[in-house]
Amino acid sequence: MPRARDLGVRIGVLPPGPTNSVLDVAGVGLGHATVWRDDPLVARTGVTCLLLAEDAYRRPVPAGGAVLNGAGECTGFLTAAEWATAETPAYLTSTMQLGRVYDAACQIELERDGHVADEVVIPVVGECDDSFLNDCRRMHVTAEDVVAAHAAALASRGSSVPPQEGAVGAGAGMSCLGFKGGIGTSSRLTAEGHTVAVLLLTNFGAREDLVVAGVPVGRLLPAAPSAPDRPAGSCIGLVVTDAPVDGASCARLARRVGIGLGRAGSVAHHGSGEIFLAFGTGLRLDRDQRLSAAPLTGRAIDPLFAAVAEATEEAVLNSMFTAPTTVGRDGNTSESLHSPDVLALLEAR
């Protein structure tokens, strides 16, 4: 399935990185485990792992978060707010699977670093509700799925090939702005030489609000024959940059994810959880939260703000264009945004 740029859709003015994804940040990996079956219950779910740094437990990365609407959950968010650090990969999954992914993430860290047993670990795990397509009466995700996603993230570091997007991993059962959503990513390069990348789990918004590169696609298309009867709920947004930013600046970067979502059509509905975290790999901390060097602050991070907004807007579209039409539980269907009607509207703009 094509990405937005493959279809001639250009967002913003900053150039993307080589893969236009989180893999453009050195040392970062992205892996998925998708759970897709139809018997005995329909499963359209999974887990996604964003590896920030292989040694993040010993040398935590600066982190900070922001909330646009809080009808959701992200473990590790309070730790990031208090200590301005993250010490594990960031995992994404569906609402009812969060506990299983958290347990498995703890086990992964225990097996990788014996010091965890003395100091404990608090993994980052975010969730969105995929129950329109996924039957959540069974706990579909297993510890083996989490281990597989983590292993895939380790293996992906340094890849020159864009990662899978759309209906993969945690995105398998997600719907966005009245269409199929899921996993989306994009990156931007600043004139100062920094890379900023965004990873989204998109599951938000109403069809009539969808905007694609300024075109009000949602208002111009006919109503869908099958779509959620209320606005889909939630978006977890993860930002990662190689710029030397501290936790306070990470929180400010995370807040700009909301700008990109708004450009694509989000109004952060009542039942939606727009929860964002940002991470910086350009500075590292020790276990006592001491920074390795002076951070970039003030007006110097303005280019990073612009990069987050642009990459977020494009990541939304990538999550939708790359996802095929998906039939889930009870015959519920989320249509792909990659359709002749949508392409015709974009060509006419």
C-alpha atoms as a PDB file:
ATOM      1  CA  MET A   1       0.000   0.000   0.000  1.00  0.00           C
ATOM      2  CA  PRO A   2       1.383   3.451  -0.915  1.00  0.00           C
ATOM      3  CA  ARG A   3       2.333   6.138   1.571  1.00  0.00           C
ATOM      4  CA  ALA A   4       1.103   9.730   1.263  1.00  0.00           C
ATOM      5  CA  ARG A   5       4.184  10.898  -0.653  1.00  0.00           C
ATOM      6  CA  ASP A   6       3.902   7.989  -3.056  1.00  0.00           C
ATOM      7  CA  LEU A   7       0.547   9.476  -4.044  1.00  0.00           C
ATOM      8  CA  GLY A   8       1.910  12.988  -4.512  1.00  0.00           C
ATOM      9  CA  VAL A   9       0.678  14.316  -1.152  1.00  0.00           C
ATOM     10  CA  ARG A  10       3.261  16.689   0.297  1.00  0.00           C
ATOM     11  CA  ILE A  11       2.952  17.976   3.852  1.00  0.00           C
ATOM     12  CA  GLY A  12       4.868  21.047   5.020  1.00  0.00           C
ATOM     13  CA  VAL A  13       8.178  22.448   3.818  1.00  0.00           C
ATOM     14  CA  LEU A  14      10.846  20.549   5.745  1.00  0.00           C
ATOM     15  CA  PRO A  15      12.447  17.557   3.995  1.00  0.00           C
ATOM     16  CA  PRO A  16      11.865  14.045   5.344  1.00  0.00           C
ATOM     17  CA  GLY A  17      14.692  11.709   6.293  1.00  0.00           C
ATOM     18  CA  PRO A  18      15.816   8.806   4.076  1.00  0.00           C
ATOM     19  CA  THR A  19      13.042   6.453   5.231  1.00  0.00           C
ATOM     20  CA  ASN A  20      10.609   9.201   6.307  1.00  0.00           C
ATOM     21  CA  SER A  21      10.148   7.336   9.588  1.00  0.00           C
ATOM     22  CA  VAL A  22      11.384   6.909  13.145  1.00  0.00           C
ATOM     23  CA  LEU A  23      14.174   4.720  11.742  1.00  0.00           C
ATOM     24  CA  ASP A  24      15.879   7.913  10.556  1.00  0.00           C
ATOM     25  CA  VAL A  25      16.927   8.638  14.162  1.00  0.00           C
ATOM     26  CA  ALA A  26      20.167   6.744  14.818  1.00  0.00           C
ATOM     27  CA  GLY A  27      19.772   3.790  17.169  1.00  0.00           C
ATOM     28  CA  VAL A  28      15.974   3.781  17.040  1.00  0.00           C
ATOM     29  CA  GLY A  29      14.088   0.642  15.999  1.00  0.00           C
ATOM     30  CA  LEU A  30      10.473  -0.221  15.272  1.00  0.00           C
ATOM     31  CA  GLY A  31       8.905  -3.675  15.390  1.00  0.00           C
ATOM     32  CA  HIS A  32       5.418  -5.184  15.254  1.00  0.00           C
ATOM     33  CA  ALA A  33       3.631  -8.390  16.155  1.00  0.00           C
ATOM     34  CA  THR A  34       0.194  -8.645  14.549  1.00  0.00           C
ATOM     35  CA  VAL A  35      -2.572 -10.891  15.891  1.00  0.00           C
ATOM     36  CA  TRP A  36      -5.037 -11.574  13.052  1.00  0.00           C
ATOM     37  CA  ARG A  37      -7.442 -14.504  13.199  1.00  0.00           C
ATOM     38  CA  ASP A  38     -11.132 -15.314  12.817  1.00  0.00           C
ATOM     39  CA  ASP A  39     -11.750 -18.349  15.023  1.00  0.00           C
ATOM     40  CA  PRO A  40     -13.053 -18.716  17.647  1.00  0.00           C
ATOM     41  CA  LEU A  41     -13.206 -14.920  18.110  1.00  0.00           C
ATOM     42  CA  VAL A  42     -12.175 -12.245  15.614  1.00  0.00           C
ATOM     43  CA  ALA A  43      -8.755 -10.798  16.452  1.00  0.00           C
ATOM     44  CA  ARG A  44      -7.544  -7.619  14.780  1.00  0.00           C
ATOM     45  CA  THR A  45      -4.935  -6.418  17.257  1.00  0.00           C
ATOM     46  CA  GLY A  46      -1.277  -6.667  18.200  1.00  0.00           C
ATOM     47  CA  VAL A  47       1.664  -4.860  19.733  1.00  0.00           C
ATOM     48  CA  THR A  48       4.203  -2.358  18.406  1.00  0.00           C
ATOM     49  CA  CYS A  49       7.594  -1.625  19.971  1.00  0.00           C
ATOM     50  CA  LEU A  50       9.527   1.626  19.528  1.00  0.00           C
ATOM     51  CA  LEU A  51      13.081   0.977  20.683  1.00  0.00           C
ATOM     52  CA  LEU A  52      14.655   4.267  21.800  1.00  0.00           C
ATOM     53  CA  ALA A  53      18.116   3.015  22.740  1.00  0.00           C
ATOM     54  CA  GLU A  54      19.372  -0.469  23.488  1.00  0.00           C
ATOM     55  CA  ASP A  55      20.914   0.640  26.799  1.00  0.00           C
ATOM     56  CA  ALA A  56      18.070   2.905  27.943  1.00  0.00           C
ATOM     57  CA  TYR A  57      17.812   1.259  31.360  1.00  0.00           C
ATOM     58  CA  ARG A  58      21.447   2.003  32.235  1.00  0.00           C
ATOM     59  CA  ARG A  59      21.427   5.381  30.444  1.00  0.00           C
ATOM     60  CA  PRO A  60      17.840   6.716  30.365  1.00  0.00           C
ATOM     61  CA  VAL A  61      16.739   9.075  27.618  1.00  0.00           C
ATOM     62  CA  PRO A  62      15.165  12.475  28.370  1.00  0.00           C
ATOM     63  CA  ALA A  63      11.385  12.307  28.098  1.00  0.00           C
ATOM     64  CA  GLY A  64       8.319  14.473  28.555  1.00  0.00           C
ATOM     65  CA  GLY A  65       4.625  14.216  27.826  1.00  0.00           C
ATOM     66  CA  ALA A  66       1.476  16.169  27.068  1.00  0.00           C
ATOM     67  CA  VAL A  67      -2.239  15.374  27.007  1.00  0.00           C
ATOM     68  CA  LEU A  68      -4.762  16.871  24.589  1.00  0.00           C
ATOM     69  CA  ASN A  69      -7.672  14.774  25.901  1.00  0.00           C
ATOM     70  CA  GLY A  70      -7.171  12.219  28.631  1.00  0.00           C
ATOM     71  CA  ALA A  71      -9.644   9.387  27.966  1.00  0.00           C
ATOM     72  CA  GLY A  72      -6.892   6.785  27.743  1.00  0.00           C
ATOM     73  CA  GLU A  73      -3.857   5.313  29.428  1.00  0.00           C
ATOM     74  CA  CYS A  74      -0.098   5.431  29.000  1.00  0.00           C
ATOM     75  CA  THR A  75       2.062   3.858  31.680  1.00  0.00           C
ATOM     76  CA  GLY A  76       5.360   5.581  32.350  1.00  0.00           C
ATOM     77  CA  PHE A  77       3.768   8.972  31.707  1.00  0.00           C
ATOM     78  CA  LEU A  78       3.916  10.047  35.367  1.00  0.00           C
ATOM     79  CA  THR A  79       7.526   8.927  35.638  1.00  0.00           C
ATOM     80  CA  ALA A  80       8.391  11.025  32.609  1.00  0.00           C
ATOM     81  CA  ALA A  81       6.645  14.002  34.193  1.00  0.00           C
ATOM     82  CA  GLU A  82       8.436  13.560  37.530  1.00  0.00           C
ATOM     83  CA  TRP A  83      11.905  12.416  36.482  1.00  0.00           C
ATOM     84  CA  ALA A  84      11.895  13.547  32.828  1.00  0.00           C
ATOM     85  CA  THR A  85      13.232  10.166  31.730  1.00  0.00           C
ATOM     86  CA  ALA A  86      12.308   6.942  29.933  1.00  0.00           C
ATOM     87  CA  GLU A  87      14.215   3.711  30.551  1.00  0.00           C
ATOM     88  CA  THR A  88      12.434   1.198  28.301  1.00  0.00           C
ATOM     89  CA  PRO A  89      11.134   0.999  24.764  1.00  0.00           C
ATOM     90  CA  ALA A  90       7.696   2.501  24.191  1.00  0.00           C
ATOM     91  CA  TYR A  91       5.048  -0.132  23.458  1.00  0.00           C
ATOM     92  CA  LEU A  92       1.668   0.374  21.794  1.00  0.00           C
ATOM     93  CA  THR A  93      -1.313  -1.971  21.964  1.00  0.00           C
ATOM     94  CA  SER A  94      -5.100  -2.126  22.346  1.00  0.00           C
ATOM     95  CA  THR A  95      -6.844  -1.050  25.532  1.00  0.00           C
ATOM     96  CA  MET A  96      -7.629  -4.473  26.967  1.00  0.00           C
ATOM     97  CA  GLN A  97      -4.100  -5.764  26.300  1.00  0.00           C
ATOM     98  CA  LEU A  98      -2.168  -3.078  28.166  1.00  0.00           C
ATOM     99  CA  GLY A  99      -1.603  -5.204  31.276  1.00  0.00           C
ATOM    100  CA  ARG A 100      -0.271  -8.151  29.310  1.00  0.00           C
ATOM    101  CA  VAL A 101       2.138  -5.953  27.359  1.00  0.00           C
ATOM    102  CA  TYR A 102       3.304  -4.233  30.550  1.00  0.00           C
ATOM    103  CA  ASP A 103       4.008  -7.587  32.218  1.00  0.00           C
ATOM    104  CA  ALA A 104       5.954  -8.856  29.212  1.00  0.00           C
ATOM    105  CA  ALA A 105       7.894  -5.591  28.914  1.00  0.00           C
ATOM    106  CA  CYS A 106       8.997  -5.944  32.546  1.00  0.00           C
ATOM    107  CA  GLN A 107      10.120  -9.506  31.879  1.00  0.00           C
ATOM    108  CA  ILE A 108      12.126  -8.426  28.842  1.00  0.00           C
ATOM    109  CA  GLU A 109      13.993  -5.841  30.916  1.00  0.00           C
ATOM    110  CA  LEU A 110      14.611  -8.314  33.761  1.00  0.00           C
ATOM    111  CA  GLU A 111      16.168 -10.760  31.333  1.00  0.00           C
ATOM    112  CA  ARG A 112      18.293  -8.122  29.618  1.00  0.00           C
ATOM    113  CA  ASP A 113      19.637  -6.376  32.742  1.00  0.00           C
ATOM    114  CA  GLY A 114      19.991  -7.979  36.166  1.00  0.00           C
ATOM    115  CA  HIS A 115      20.019  -4.567  37.894  1.00  0.00           C
ATOM    116  CA  VAL A 116      16.273  -4.288  37.227  1.00  0.00           C
ATOM    117  CA  ALA A 117      15.631  -6.788  40.023  1.00  0.00           C
ATOM    118  CA  ASP A 118      17.191  -4.360  42.533  1.00  0.00           C
ATOM    119  CA  GLU A 119      15.804  -1.065  41.216  1.00  0.00           C
ATOM    120  CA  VAL A 120      12.574  -2.078  39.366  1.00  0.00           C
ATOM    121  CA  VAL A 121      11.477  -0.762  35.979  1.00  0.00           C
ATOM    122  CA  ILE A 122       8.414   1.136  34.745  1.00  0.00           C
ATOM    123  CA  PRO A 123       7.783   0.415  31.041  1.00  0.00           C
ATOM    124  CA  VAL A 124       6.068   2.856  28.694  1.00  0.00           C
ATOM    125  CA  VAL A 125       2.878   1.276  27.291  1.00  0.00           C
ATOM    126  CA  GLY A 126       0.159   3.252  25.497  1.00  0.00           C
ATOM    127  CA  GLU A 127      -3.230   2.024  24.295  1.00  0.00           C
ATOM    128  CA  CYS A 128      -6.150   2.771  21.990  1.00  0.00           C
ATOM    129  CA  ASP A 129      -9.542   1.039  21.786  1.00  0.00           C
ATOM    130  CA  ASP A 130      -9.801  -1.217  18.724  1.00  0.00           C
ATOM    131  CA  SER A 131     -13.113  -2.868  19.660  1.00  0.00           C
ATOM    132  CA  PHE A 132     -14.943  -1.716  16.500  1.00  0.00           C
ATOM    133  CA  LEU A 133     -12.922  -4.302  14.536  1.00  0.00           C
ATOM    134  CA  ASN A 134     -11.394  -6.462  17.272  1.00  0.00           C
ATOM    135  CA  ASP A 135     -13.377  -8.710  19.595  1.00  0.00           C
ATOM    136  CA  CYS A 136     -11.949  -7.826  23.002  1.00  0.00           C
ATOM    137  CA  ARG A 137     -13.662 -10.636  24.918  1.00  0.00           C
ATOM    138  CA  ARG A 138     -10.418 -12.590  24.766  1.00  0.00           C
ATOM    139  CA  MET A 139      -6.930 -11.456  25.717  1.00  0.00           C
ATOM    140  CA  HIS A 140      -5.421 -11.993  22.267  1.00  0.00           C
ATOM    141  CA  VAL A 141      -1.898 -10.606  22.813  1.00  0.00           C
ATOM    142  CA  THR A 142       0.631 -12.949  24.432  1.00  0.00           C
ATOM    143  CA  ALA A 143       4.027 -12.418  26.034  1.00  0.00           C
ATOM    144  CA  GLU A 144       5.526 -14.100  22.956  1.00  0.00           C
ATOM    145  CA  ASP A 145       3.996 -11.381  20.770  1.00  0.00           C
ATOM    146  CA  VAL A 146       5.643  -8.675  22.869  1.00  0.00           C
ATOM    147  CA  VAL A 147       8.995 -10.449  22.703  1.00  0.00           C
ATOM    148  CA  ALA A 148       8.628 -10.773  18.919  1.00  0.00           C
ATOM    149  CA  ALA A 149       7.855  -7.062  18.499  1.00  0.00           C
ATOM    150  CA  HIS A 150      10.859  -6.161  20.650  1.00  0.00           C
ATOM    151  CA  ALA A 151      13.139  -8.475  18.658  1.00  0.00           C
ATOM    152  CA  ALA A 152      11.877  -6.986  15.395  1.00  0.00           C
ATOM    153  CA  ALA A 153      12.580  -3.482  16.714  1.00  0.00           C
ATOM    154  CA  LEU A 154      16.152  -4.466  17.595  1.00  0.00           C
ATOM    155  CA  ALA A 155      16.667  -5.927  14.128  1.00  0.00           C
ATOM    156  CA  SER A 156      15.272  -2.861  12.330  1.00  0.00           C
ATOM    157  CA  ARG A 157      17.830  -0.334  13.585  1.00  0.00           C
ATOM    158  CA  GLY A 158      19.745   1.310  10.764  1.00  0.00           C
ATOM    159  CA  SER A 159      17.448  -0.057   8.075  1.00  0.00           C
ATOM    160  CA  SER A 160      17.220   1.902   4.840  1.00  0.00           C
ATOM    161  CA  VAL A 161      13.742   0.508   4.187  1.00  0.00           C
ATOM    162  CA  PRO A 162      10.645   2.261   5.609  1.00  0.00           C
ATOM    163  CA  PRO A 163       8.905   0.201   8.306  1.00  0.00           C
ATOM    164  CA  GLN A 164       5.491  -1.403   7.959  1.00  0.00           C
ATOM    165  CA  GLU A 165       2.558   0.906   8.615  1.00  0.00           C
ATOM    166  CA  GLY A 166      -1.219   0.807   8.663  1.00  0.00           C
ATOM    167  CA  ALA A 167      -2.961  -2.363   9.843  1.00  0.00           C
ATOM    168  CA  VAL A 168       0.072  -3.912  11.536  1.00  0.00           C
ATOM    169  CA  GLY A 169       0.978  -4.510  15.161  1.00  0.00           C
ATOM    170  CA  ALA A 170      -1.039  -2.331  17.498  1.00  0.00           C
ATOM    171  CA  GLY A 171      -2.672  -0.725  14.453  1.00  0.00           C
ATOM    172  CA  ALA A 172      -4.369  -3.884  13.185  1.00  0.00           C
ATOM    173  CA  GLY A 173      -7.816  -2.988  14.519  1.00  0.00           C
ATOM    174  CA  MET A 174      -7.718   0.807  14.656  1.00  0.00           C
ATOM    175  CA  SER A 175      -9.991   3.218  12.754  1.00  0.00           C
ATOM    176  CA  CYS A 176      -9.250   6.880  12.091  1.00  0.00           C
ATOM    177  CA  LEU A 177     -11.435   9.743  10.867  1.00  0.00           C
ATOM    178  CA  GLY A 178     -14.013   7.291   9.519  1.00  0.00           C
ATOM    179  CA  PHE A 179     -11.456   5.175   7.644  1.00  0.00           C
ATOM    180  CA  LYS A 180      -8.983   2.429   8.514  1.00  0.00           C
ATOM    181  CA  GLY A 181      -6.217   3.804  10.716  1.00  0.00           C
ATOM    182  CA  GLY A 182      -3.346   2.227  12.598  1.00  0.00           C
ATOM    183  CA  ILE A 183       0.407   2.768  12.659  1.00  0.00           C
ATOM    184  CA  GLY A 184       1.862   5.801  10.905  1.00  0.00           C
ATOM    185  CA  THR A 185       5.268   7.424  10.989  1.00  0.00           C
ATOM    186  CA  SER A 186       7.130  10.297   9.350  1.00  0.00           C
ATOM    187  CA  SER A 187      10.328  12.278   9.887  1.00  0.00           C
ATOM    188  CA  ARG A 188      11.771  15.710   9.202  1.00  0.00           C
ATOM    189  CA  LEU A 189      15.297  17.081   8.882  1.00  0.00           C
ATOM    190  CA  THR A 190      15.977  20.576  10.247  1.00  0.00           C
ATOM    191  CA  ALA A 191      18.409  23.081   8.770  1.00  0.00           C
ATOM    192  CA  GLU A 192      20.439  22.746  11.961  1.00  0.00           C
ATOM    193  CA  GLY A 193      21.123  19.092  11.216  1.00  0.00           C
ATOM    194  CA  HIS A 194      18.700  17.422  13.594  1.00  0.00           C
ATOM    195  CA  THR A 195      16.241  14.629  12.826  1.00  0.00           C
ATOM    196  CA  VAL A 196      12.751  14.665  14.315  1.00  0.00           C
ATOM    197  CA  ALA A 197      10.423  11.701  13.839  1.00  0.00           C
ATOM    198  CA  VAL A 198       6.886  10.855  14.925  1.00  0.00           C
ATOM    199  CA  LEU A 199       5.161   7.515  15.446  1.00  0.00           C
ATOM    200  CA  LEU A 200       1.364   7.458  15.792  1.00  0.00           C
ATOM    201  CA  LEU A 201      -1.256   4.913  16.719  1.00  0.00           C
ATOM    202  CA  THR A 202      -4.259   6.558  15.046  1.00  0.00           C
ATOM    203  CA  ASN A 203      -7.757   5.759  16.243  1.00  0.00           C
ATOM    204  CA  PHE A 204      -9.500   9.129  16.442  1.00  0.00           C
ATOM    205  CA  GLY A 205     -11.916  11.501  14.805  1.00  0.00           C
ATOM    206  CA  ALA A 206     -15.043  11.648  12.653  1.00  0.00           C
ATOM    207  CA  ARG A 207     -15.175  11.097   8.891  1.00  0.00           C
ATOM    208  CA  GLU A 208     -16.614  14.518   8.095  1.00  0.00           C
ATOM    209  CA  ASP A 209     -13.610  16.204   9.760  1.00  0.00           C
ATOM    210  CA  LEU A 210     -10.887  14.546   7.644  1.00  0.00           C
ATOM    211  CA  VAL A 211      -8.544  16.990   5.880  1.00  0.00           C
ATOM    212  CA  VAL A 212      -5.835  15.778   3.493  1.00  0.00           C
ATOM    213  CA  ALA A 213      -3.195  18.399   2.678  1.00  0.00           C
ATOM    214  CA  GLY A 214      -5.787  21.135   3.086  1.00  0.00           C
ATOM    215  CA  VAL A 215      -8.527  19.357   1.097  1.00  0.00           C
ATOM    216  CA  PRO A 216     -11.707  18.793   3.190  1.00  0.00           C
ATOM    217  CA  VAL A 217     -11.988  15.202   1.977  1.00  0.00           C
ATOM    218  CA  GLY A 218     -14.366  14.145   4.730  1.00  0.00           C
ATOM    219  CA  ARG A 219     -17.002  16.728   3.754  1.00  0.00           C
ATOM    220  CA  LEU A 220     -16.662  16.043   0.031  1.00  0.00           C
ATOM    221  CA  LEU A 221     -17.149  12.268   0.202  1.00  0.00           C
ATOM    222  CA  PRO A 222     -20.478  10.465   0.677  1.00  0.00           C
ATOM    223  CA  ALA A 223     -21.190   8.823   4.013  1.00  0.00           C
ATOM    224  CA  ALA A 224     -19.620   5.407   4.579  1.00  0.00           C
ATOM    225  CA  PRO A 225     -21.904   2.358   4.547  1.00  0.00           C
ATOM    226  CA  SER A 226     -20.059   0.946   7.570  1.00  0.00           C
ATOM    227  CA  ALA A 227     -18.197   3.083  10.081  1.00  0.00           C
ATOM    228  CA  PRO A 228     -18.081   3.609  13.836  1.00  0.00           C
ATOM    229  CA  ASP A 229     -21.367   5.123  15.064  1.00  0.00           C
ATOM    230  CA  ARG A 230     -19.430   7.668  17.109  1.00  0.00           C
ATOM    231  CA  PRO A 231     -16.008   9.296  16.670  1.00  0.00           C
ATOM    232  CA  ALA A 232     -13.251   6.741  17.033  1.00  0.00           C
ATOM    233  CA  GLY A 233     -11.318   7.132  20.251  1.00  0.00           C
ATOM    234  CA  SER A 234      -7.707   8.013  20.874  1.00  0.00           C
ATOM    235  CA  CYS A 235      -4.261   8.599  19.425  1.00  0.00           C
ATOM    236  CA  ILE A 236      -0.960   7.809  21.068  1.00  0.00           C
ATOM    237  CA  GLY A 237       1.762  10.039  19.634  1.00  0.00           C
ATOM    238  CA  LEU A 238       5.470   9.365  20.173  1.00  0.00           C
ATOM    239  CA  VAL A 239       8.179  11.843  19.131  1.00  0.00           C
ATOM    240  CA  VAL A 240      11.868  10.972  19.011  1.00  0.00           C
ATOM    241  CA  THR A 241      14.720  13.280  18.055  1.00  0.00           C
ATOM    242  CA  ASP A 242      18.498  13.168  18.023  1.00  0.00           C
ATOM    243  CA  ALA A 243      18.599  16.821  19.107  1.00  0.00           C
ATOM    244  CA  PRO A 244      20.128  17.444  22.564  1.00  0.00           C
ATOM    245  CA  VAL A 245      16.871  18.207  24.404  1.00  0.00           C
ATOM    246  CA  ASP A 246      16.039  17.757  28.079  1.00  0.00           C
ATOM    247  CA  GLY A 247      12.786  16.584  29.647  1.00  0.00           C
ATOM    248  CA  ALA A 248      11.196  20.038  29.739  1.00  0.00           C
ATOM    249  CA  SER A 249      11.806  20.534  26.027  1.00  0.00           C
ATOM    250  CA  CYS A 250      10.553  17.000  25.337  1.00  0.00           C
ATOM    251  CA  ALA A 251       7.251  17.898  27.003  1.00  0.00           C
ATOM    252  CA  ARG A 252       7.003  20.963  24.770  1.00  0.00           C
ATOM    253  CA  LEU A 253       7.744  18.870  21.681  1.00  0.00           C
ATOM    254  CA  ALA A 254       5.104  16.327  22.704  1.00  0.00           C
ATOM    255  CA  ARG A 255       2.483  19.064  22.943  1.00  0.00           C
ATOM    256  CA  ARG A 256       3.029  19.963  19.248  1.00  0.00           C
ATOM    257  CA  VAL A 257       1.700  16.544  18.191  1.00  0.00           C
ATOM    258  CA  GLY A 258      -1.743  18.026  18.825  1.00  0.00           C
ATOM    259  CA  ILE A 259      -1.123  20.662  16.149  1.00  0.00           C
ATOM    260  CA  GLY A 260      -0.450  18.007  13.514  1.00  0.00           C
ATOM    261  CA  LEU A 261      -3.520  16.015  14.525  1.00  0.00           C
ATOM    262  CA  GLY A 262      -5.637  19.158  14.295  1.00  0.00           C
ATOM    263  CA  ARG A 263      -4.419  19.834  10.758  1.00  0.00           C
ATOM    264  CA  ALA A 264      -5.623  16.358   9.764  1.00  0.00           C
ATOM    265  CA  GLY A 265      -9.039  16.874  11.356  1.00  0.00           C
ATOM    266  CA  SER A 266      -8.864  15.979  15.047  1.00  0.00           C
ATOM    267  CA  VAL A 267     -10.975  17.952  17.506  1.00  0.00           C
ATOM    268  CA  ALA A 268     -10.079  15.666  20.453  1.00  0.00           C
ATOM    269  CA  HIS A 269     -13.561  14.353  21.132  1.00  0.00           C
ATOM    270  CA  HIS A 270     -14.845  13.701  24.648  1.00  0.00           C
ATOM    271  CA  GLY A 271     -14.196   9.964  24.555  1.00  0.00           C
ATOM    272  CA  SER A 272     -10.797  10.169  22.891  1.00  0.00           C
ATOM    273  CA  GLY A 273      -7.392   9.860  24.533  1.00  0.00           C
ATOM    274  CA  GLU A 274      -4.793  11.991  22.772  1.00  0.00           C
ATOM    275  CA  ILE A 275      -1.686  11.247  24.842  1.00  0.00           C
ATOM    276  CA  PHE A 276       1.785  12.190  23.638  1.00  0.00           C
ATOM    277  CA  LEU A 277       5.357  11.505  24.733  1.00  0.00           C
ATOM    278  CA  ALA A 278       8.604  12.839  23.282  1.00  0.00           C
ATOM    279  CA  PHE A 279      12.105  11.421  23.730  1.00  0.00           C
ATOM    280  CA  GLY A 280      15.543  12.842  23.037  1.00  0.00           C
ATOM    281  CA  THR A 281      18.495  10.616  22.166  1.00  0.00           C
ATOM    282  CA  GLY A 282      20.993  13.462  21.707  1.00  0.00           C
ATOM    283  CA  LEU A 283      21.512  13.703  25.466  1.00  0.00           C
ATOM    284  CA  ARG A 284      21.569  10.810  27.892  1.00  0.00           C
ATOM    285  CA  LEU A 285      21.186  10.601  31.646  1.00  0.00           C
ATOM    286  CA  ASP A 286      22.586   8.335  34.319  1.00  0.00           C
ATOM    287  CA  ARG A 287      20.421   6.475  36.836  1.00  0.00           C
ATOM    288  CA  ASP A 288      20.399   9.608  39.030  1.00  0.00           C
ATOM    289  CA  GLN A 289      18.917  11.692  36.187  1.00  0.00           C
ATOM    290  CA  ARG A 290      22.087  13.709  35.557  1.00  0.00           C
ATOM    291  CA  LEU A 291      22.402  14.986  31.978  1.00  0.00           C
ATOM    292  CA  SER A 292      25.514  14.217  29.962  1.00  0.00           C
ATOM    293  CA  ALA A 293      25.755  17.740  28.475  1.00  0.00           C
ATOM    294  CA  ALA A 294      23.947  21.068  28.200  1.00  0.00           C
ATOM    295  CA  PRO A 295      20.552  20.865  26.452  1.00  0.00           C
ATOM    296  CA  LEU A 296      19.176  22.818  23.527  1.00  0.00           C
ATOM    297  CA  THR A 297      16.547  25.270  24.833  1.00  0.00           C
ATOM    298  CA  GLY A 298      14.575  28.426  24.084  1.00  0.00           C
ATOM    299  CA  ARG A 299      14.177  29.666  20.528  1.00  0.00           C
ATOM    300  CA  ALA A 300      16.690  27.077  19.355  1.00  0.00           C
ATOM    301  CA  ILE A 301      13.961  24.427  19.512  1.00  0.00           C
ATOM    302  CA  ASP A 302      11.525  26.325  17.268  1.00  0.00           C
ATOM    303  CA  PRO A 303      12.632  24.273  14.199  1.00  0.00           C
ATOM    304  CA  LEU A 304      11.896  21.089  16.174  1.00  0.00           C
ATOM    305  CA  PHE A 305       8.364  22.327  16.898  1.00  0.00           C
ATOM    306  CA  ALA A 306       7.723  22.820  13.181  1.00  0.00           C
ATOM    307  CA  ALA A 307       9.163  19.389  12.435  1.00  0.00           C
ATOM    308  CA  VAL A 308       6.851  17.687  14.951  1.00  0.00           C
ATOM    309  CA  ALA A 309       3.746  19.354  13.524  1.00  0.00           C
ATOM    310  CA  GLU A 310       4.625  18.444   9.925  1.00  0.00           C
ATOM    311  CA  ALA A 311       5.694  14.877  10.698  1.00  0.00           C
ATOM    312  CA  THR A 312       2.562  14.279  12.763  1.00  0.00           C
ATOM    313  CA  GLU A 313       0.208  15.418  10.015  1.00  0.00           C
ATOM    314  CA  GLU A 314       1.965  13.187   7.482  1.00  0.00           C
ATOM    315  CA  ALA A 315       2.074  10.235   9.892  1.00  0.00           C
ATOM    316  CA  VAL A 316      -1.730  10.412  10.226  1.00  0.00           C
ATOM    317  CA  LEU A 317      -2.097  10.126   6.451  1.00  0.00           C
ATOM    318  CA  ASN A 318       0.491   7.358   6.199  1.00  0.00           C
ATOM    319  CA  SER A 319      -1.417   5.328   8.777  1.00  0.00           C
ATOM    320  CA  MET A 320      -4.552   5.587   6.639  1.00  0.00           C
ATOM    321  CA  PHE A 321      -3.210   5.304   3.069  1.00  0.00           C
ATOM    322  CA  THR A 322      -1.133   2.223   3.931  1.00  0.00           C
ATOM    323  CA  ALA A 323      -3.997   0.396   5.652  1.00  0.00           C
ATOM    324  CA  PRO A 324      -6.221  -1.799   3.463  1.00  0.00           C
ATOM    325  CA  THR A 325      -9.977  -1.982   3.898  1.00  0.00           C
ATOM    326  CA  THR A 326     -10.468  -4.246   6.904  1.00  0.00           C
ATOM    327  CA  VAL A 327     -13.446  -6.348   7.963  1.00  0.00           C
ATOM    328  CA  GLY A 328     -13.555  -7.184  11.654  1.00  0.00           C
ATOM    329  CA  ARG A 329     -15.943  -8.467  14.278  1.00  0.00           C
ATOM    330  CA  ASP A 330     -19.657  -8.599  13.460  1.00  0.00           C
ATOM    331  CA  GLY A 331     -18.802  -7.675   9.867  1.00  0.00           C
ATOM    332  CA  ASN A 332     -17.763  -4.156  10.902  1.00  0.00           C
ATOM    333  CA  THR A 333     -15.688  -2.581   8.145  1.00  0.00           C
ATOM    334  CA  SER A 334     -13.169   0.254   8.015  1.00  0.00           C
ATOM    335  CA  GLU A 335     -12.465   1.434   4.480  1.00  0.00           C
ATOM    336  CA  SER A 336      -8.996   2.290   3.248  1.00  0.00           C
ATOM    337  CA  LEU A 337      -8.311   5.927   2.501  1.00  0.00           C
ATOM    338  CA  HIS A 338      -6.527   4.714  -0.632  1.00  0.00           C
ATOM    339  CA  SER A 339      -9.574   4.739  -2.907  1.00  0.00           C
ATOM    340  CA  PRO A 340     -10.404   6.127  -6.381  1.00  0.00           C
ATOM    341  CA  ASP A 341     -12.835   8.690  -4.906  1.00  0.00           C
ATOM    342  CA  VAL A 342     -10.243  10.100  -2.535  1.00  0.00           C
ATOM    343  CA  LEU A 343      -7.482  10.141  -5.158  1.00  0.00           C
ATOM    344  CA  ALA A 344      -9.797  11.973  -7.553  1.00  0.00           C
ATOM    345  CA  LEU A 345     -10.437  14.699  -4.964  1.00  0.00           C
ATOM    346  CA  LEU A 346      -6.712  15.128  -4.341  1.00  0.00           C
ATOM    347  CA  GLU A 347      -5.880  15.297  -8.065  1.00  0.00           C
ATOM    348  CA  ALA A 348      -8.511  18.005  -8.506  1.00  0.00           C
ATOM    349  CA  ARG A 349      -7.121  20.241  -5.780  1.00  0.00           C
END
